[in-house]
Amino acid sequence: MAREKDDTIASRISRVLAERIIRGEIAPDTRLRQDHIAEEFGASHVPVREAFRLLEAQGLAMSQPRRGVRVASFDLAQVREVAEMRAALEGLALKHAAQHLTPAILADAEEATRQGDAAADVHAWEEANRRFHRLILAPCRMTRLLAAIDDLHAVSARFLFSAWQSGWERRTDHDHRAILAALRHGRAEEAASILQKHVQWIGKTPVRTPAGATRDVFVIVG
């Protein structure tokens, strides 16, 4: 029973920490201090260590000799990998989903695009953008494929939030509208091609580190 309770606490701790990491509230390379986290959650060190292992399994943390457990950093190669994976999987999903898309679904996706264009901050934009992609891909009815895509969107969100904690500028998503236009005219292959190019666009922005230095962060804006 005690073991099951520790597992439950560990899952809760890892879930909260994962959300903070993904949202950019804990910066890459930040040390995760076991004592502080145990105190915050009113837990012993056992579930905290298990939570750290869960974060490592998700690629969100890494244990380093003499440096402790830290939030995992990412580089351009990792961003490109996620972009290419998203392009391949989302293109496949859309080809299977296209025949099941209804005018109502496409109207909802267009509304999600409008909400993204009007978003005042990066979190609102990411939510609307993810909703657009989910709406046009979910009708593929391939649960494992959609779960993999959801995981990749979570990783993309982490890249995005690490880059834009402030200074977000509103943007008009012409690619989303081109995808919808192709789908409405029954051109599924064209829509998939636009989508694949769309999610492979990588932007770069300078950010200030906790130490006061500046580094370039690469993100998928799609």
Protein backbone atom coordinates (compact mmCIF):
# COMPACT_ATOMS: atom_id res chain seq x y z
CA MET A 1 0.00 0.00 0.00
CA ALA A 2 2.84 2.41 0.90
CA ARG A 3 4.53 1.67 -2.42
CA GLU A 4 1.32 2.44 -4.34
CA LYS A 5 0.96 5.71 -2.42
CA ASP A 6 4.54 6.68 -3.28
CA ASP A 7 3.87 5.88 -6.94
CA THR A 8 0.79 8.12 -6.89
CA ILE A 9 2.72 10.98 -5.27
CA ALA A 10 5.61 10.51 -7.70
CA SER A 11 3.24 10.67 -10.66
CA ARG A 12 1.68 13.87 -9.34
CA ILE A 13 5.05 15.50 -8.73
CA SER A 14 6.37 14.53 -12.17
CA ARG A 15 3.17 15.78 -13.82
CA VAL A 16 3.39 19.19 -12.14
CA LEU A 17 7.12 19.54 -12.85
CA ALA A 18 6.63 18.42 -16.47
CA GLU A 19 3.99 21.09 -16.98
CA ARG A 20 6.29 23.75 -15.53
CA ILE A 21 9.17 22.62 -17.75
CA ILE A 22 7.02 22.51 -20.89
CA ARG A 23 5.55 25.95 -20.16
CA GLY A 24 9.04 27.38 -19.75
CA GLU A 25 8.56 28.19 -16.06
CA ILE A 26 11.69 26.16 -15.29
CA ALA A 27 14.49 27.00 -17.71
CA PRO A 28 16.76 24.43 -19.40
CA ASP A 29 19.78 23.41 -17.30
CA THR A 30 18.05 24.47 -14.05
CA ARG A 31 18.89 22.11 -11.20
CA LEU A 32 15.91 20.28 -9.70
CA ARG A 33 16.65 20.30 -5.98
CA GLN A 34 15.32 17.21 -4.26
CA ASP A 35 15.00 18.84 -0.82
CA HIS A 36 13.07 21.86 -2.12
CA ILE A 37 10.67 19.73 -4.17
CA ALA A 38 10.07 17.28 -1.32
CA GLU A 39 9.25 20.22 0.95
CA GLU A 40 6.93 21.83 -1.60
CA PHE A 41 4.89 18.66 -2.07
CA GLY A 42 5.09 17.47 1.54
CA ALA A 43 6.70 14.24 0.38
CA SER A 44 9.66 12.10 1.30
CA HIS A 45 12.67 11.81 -0.99
CA VAL A 46 11.54 8.42 -2.33
CA PRO A 47 8.65 9.67 -4.56
CA VAL A 48 10.71 12.72 -5.57
CA ARG A 49 13.50 10.49 -6.88
CA GLU A 50 10.88 8.41 -8.71
CA ALA A 51 9.40 11.62 -10.17
CA PHE A 52 12.87 12.55 -11.43
CA ARG A 53 13.15 9.15 -13.14
CA LEU A 54 9.79 9.73 -14.83
CA LEU A 55 10.95 13.13 -16.08
CA GLU A 56 14.15 11.56 -17.43
CA ALA A 57 12.08 8.95 -19.27
CA GLN A 58 10.15 11.80 -20.92
CA GLY A 59 13.37 13.50 -21.95
CA LEU A 60 12.59 16.50 -19.74
CA ALA A 61 15.38 16.00 -17.18
CA MET A 62 18.79 14.43 -17.03
CA SER A 63 21.03 13.23 -14.20
CA GLN A 64 24.64 14.36 -14.39
CA PRO A 65 27.54 13.33 -12.13
CA ARG A 66 28.35 16.08 -9.59
CA ARG A 67 25.67 18.33 -11.13
CA GLY A 68 22.56 16.56 -9.91
CA VAL A 69 19.29 16.31 -11.83
CA ARG A 70 18.75 19.19 -14.23
CA VAL A 71 16.14 20.24 -16.75
CA ALA A 72 17.23 18.90 -20.13
CA SER A 73 18.46 21.41 -22.68
CA PHE A 74 17.81 21.11 -26.41
CA ASP A 75 19.62 22.19 -29.56
CA LEU A 76 18.84 22.81 -33.23
CA ALA A 77 19.35 19.14 -34.14
CA GLN A 78 16.66 18.08 -31.67
CA VAL A 79 14.25 20.75 -32.93
CA ARG A 80 14.81 19.60 -36.51
CA GLU A 81 14.19 15.99 -35.47
CA VAL A 82 10.83 16.88 -33.91
CA ALA A 83 9.90 19.01 -36.94
CA GLU A 84 10.64 16.17 -39.36
CA MET A 85 8.76 13.66 -37.23
CA ARG A 86 5.75 15.97 -37.03
CA ALA A 87 5.82 16.49 -40.79
CA ALA A 88 5.84 12.76 -41.50
CA LEU A 89 3.20 11.78 -38.93
CA GLU A 90 0.85 14.74 -39.42
CA GLY A 91 0.99 14.35 -43.18
CA LEU A 92 0.05 10.68 -42.82
CA ALA A 93 -2.76 11.49 -40.39
CA LEU A 94 -4.23 14.18 -42.64
CA LYS A 95 -4.30 11.88 -45.68
CA HIS A 96 -6.37 9.42 -43.66
CA ALA A 97 -8.50 12.11 -42.03
CA ALA A 98 -9.37 14.10 -45.16
CA GLN A 99 -12.24 11.87 -46.29
CA HIS A 100 -13.89 12.19 -42.86
CA LEU A 101 -13.65 15.95 -42.50
CA THR A 102 -17.02 17.71 -42.41
CA PRO A 103 -17.88 21.37 -43.07
CA ALA A 104 -18.46 21.76 -39.33
CA ILE A 105 -14.98 20.45 -38.48
CA LEU A 106 -13.39 22.75 -41.06
CA ALA A 107 -15.37 25.70 -39.69
CA ASP A 108 -14.12 24.91 -36.17
CA ALA A 109 -10.57 24.68 -37.50
CA GLU A 110 -10.95 28.07 -39.19
CA GLU A 111 -12.20 29.55 -35.92
CA ALA A 112 -9.15 28.10 -34.13
CA THR A 113 -6.95 29.82 -36.71
CA ARG A 114 -8.70 33.14 -36.10
CA GLN A 115 -8.19 32.73 -32.37
CA GLY A 116 -4.51 32.02 -32.95
CA ASP A 117 -4.16 35.14 -35.06
CA ALA A 118 -5.77 37.19 -32.28
CA ALA A 119 -3.75 35.61 -29.46
CA ALA A 120 -2.17 38.17 -27.15
CA ASP A 121 0.51 35.82 -25.78
CA VAL A 122 2.38 32.68 -26.74
CA HIS A 123 0.33 30.37 -24.50
CA ALA A 124 -2.95 31.43 -26.10
CA TRP A 125 -1.42 31.05 -29.55
CA GLU A 126 -0.06 27.57 -28.81
CA GLU A 127 -3.44 26.42 -27.47
CA ALA A 128 -5.27 27.65 -30.58
CA ASN A 129 -2.60 26.26 -32.91
CA ARG A 130 -2.72 22.83 -31.27
CA ARG A 131 -6.53 22.84 -31.49
CA PHE A 132 -6.36 23.55 -35.24
CA HIS A 133 -4.02 20.62 -35.84
CA ARG A 134 -6.02 18.28 -33.62
CA LEU A 135 -9.29 19.17 -35.35
CA ILE A 136 -8.09 18.34 -38.85
CA LEU A 137 -6.11 15.23 -37.81
CA ALA A 138 -8.40 13.52 -35.27
CA PRO A 139 -10.79 12.13 -37.93
CA CYS A 140 -8.00 9.79 -39.12
CA ARG A 141 -9.21 7.53 -36.28
CA MET A 142 -5.71 6.15 -35.65
CA THR A 143 -5.26 6.38 -31.89
CA ARG A 144 -1.58 5.44 -31.66
CA LEU A 145 -0.67 7.87 -34.42
CA LEU A 146 -2.60 10.68 -32.75
CA ALA A 147 -0.99 9.92 -29.38
CA ALA A 148 2.46 10.17 -30.96
CA ILE A 149 1.51 13.48 -32.59
CA ASP A 150 0.20 14.80 -29.26
CA ASP A 151 3.55 13.95 -27.63
CA LEU A 152 5.42 15.81 -30.38
CA HIS A 153 3.17 18.85 -29.95
CA ALA A 154 4.04 18.89 -26.24
CA VAL A 155 7.74 18.92 -27.14
CA SER A 156 7.13 21.68 -29.71
CA ALA A 157 5.33 23.68 -27.03
CA ARG A 158 8.37 23.42 -24.76
CA PHE A 159 10.62 24.81 -27.51
CA LEU A 160 8.14 27.62 -28.09
CA PHE A 161 7.63 28.61 -24.45
CA SER A 162 11.39 28.58 -23.80
CA ALA A 163 11.81 31.17 -26.54
CA TRP A 164 8.81 33.44 -26.01
CA GLN A 165 8.10 34.13 -22.38
CA SER A 166 7.51 37.75 -23.42
CA GLY A 167 7.56 39.87 -26.54
CA TRP A 168 5.03 37.81 -28.47
CA GLU A 169 3.84 39.45 -31.70
CA ARG A 170 0.52 38.61 -33.31
CA ARG A 171 0.78 36.82 -36.64
CA THR A 172 -1.52 35.78 -39.47
CA ASP A 173 -1.31 32.07 -40.27
CA HIS A 174 -1.61 31.90 -44.05
CA ASP A 175 -0.60 28.22 -44.11
CA HIS A 176 -3.60 27.20 -42.00
CA ARG A 177 -5.92 28.97 -44.42
CA ALA A 178 -4.23 27.36 -47.44
CA ILE A 179 -4.62 23.93 -45.83
CA LEU A 180 -8.31 24.56 -45.22
CA ALA A 181 -8.85 25.83 -48.77
CA ALA A 182 -7.24 22.68 -50.22
CA LEU A 183 -9.32 20.43 -47.97
CA ARG A 184 -12.55 22.19 -48.89
CA HIS A 185 -11.79 21.55 -52.57
CA GLY A 186 -10.96 17.88 -52.00
CA ARG A 187 -7.22 18.28 -52.57
CA ALA A 188 -5.96 16.14 -49.72
CA GLU A 189 -2.46 15.57 -51.13
CA GLU A 190 -1.97 19.32 -51.57
CA ALA A 191 -3.23 19.98 -48.04
CA ALA A 192 -0.84 17.37 -46.62
CA SER A 193 2.08 18.86 -48.54
CA ILE A 194 1.36 22.35 -47.19
CA LEU A 195 1.01 20.95 -43.68
CA GLN A 196 4.33 19.11 -43.89
CA LYS A 197 6.21 22.23 -45.00
CA HIS A 198 4.34 24.30 -42.41
CA VAL A 199 5.48 22.26 -39.39
CA GLN A 200 9.08 22.13 -40.61
CA TRP A 201 9.53 25.92 -40.46
CA ILE A 202 12.02 26.65 -37.68
CA GLY A 203 12.46 30.11 -36.22
CA LYS A 204 15.28 31.53 -34.10
CA THR A 205 15.13 34.06 -31.28
CA PRO A 206 17.70 35.23 -28.71
CA VAL A 207 16.85 34.68 -25.04
CA ARG A 208 18.60 35.69 -21.83
CA THR A 209 19.75 32.88 -19.54
CA PRO A 210 19.40 32.97 -15.73
CA ALA A 211 23.14 33.78 -15.60
CA GLY A 212 22.57 36.91 -17.71
CA ALA A 213 24.10 35.63 -20.95
CA THR A 214 22.26 35.51 -24.29
CA ARG A 215 21.73 32.38 -26.37
CA ASP A 216 19.79 31.54 -29.52
CA VAL A 217 16.73 29.31 -29.10
CA PHE A 218 15.23 27.46 -32.07
CA VAL A 219 11.51 26.80 -32.27
CA ILE A 220 8.86 25.24 -34.49
CA VAL A 221 6.25 27.92 -35.23
CA GLY A 222 3.58 25.77 -36.80
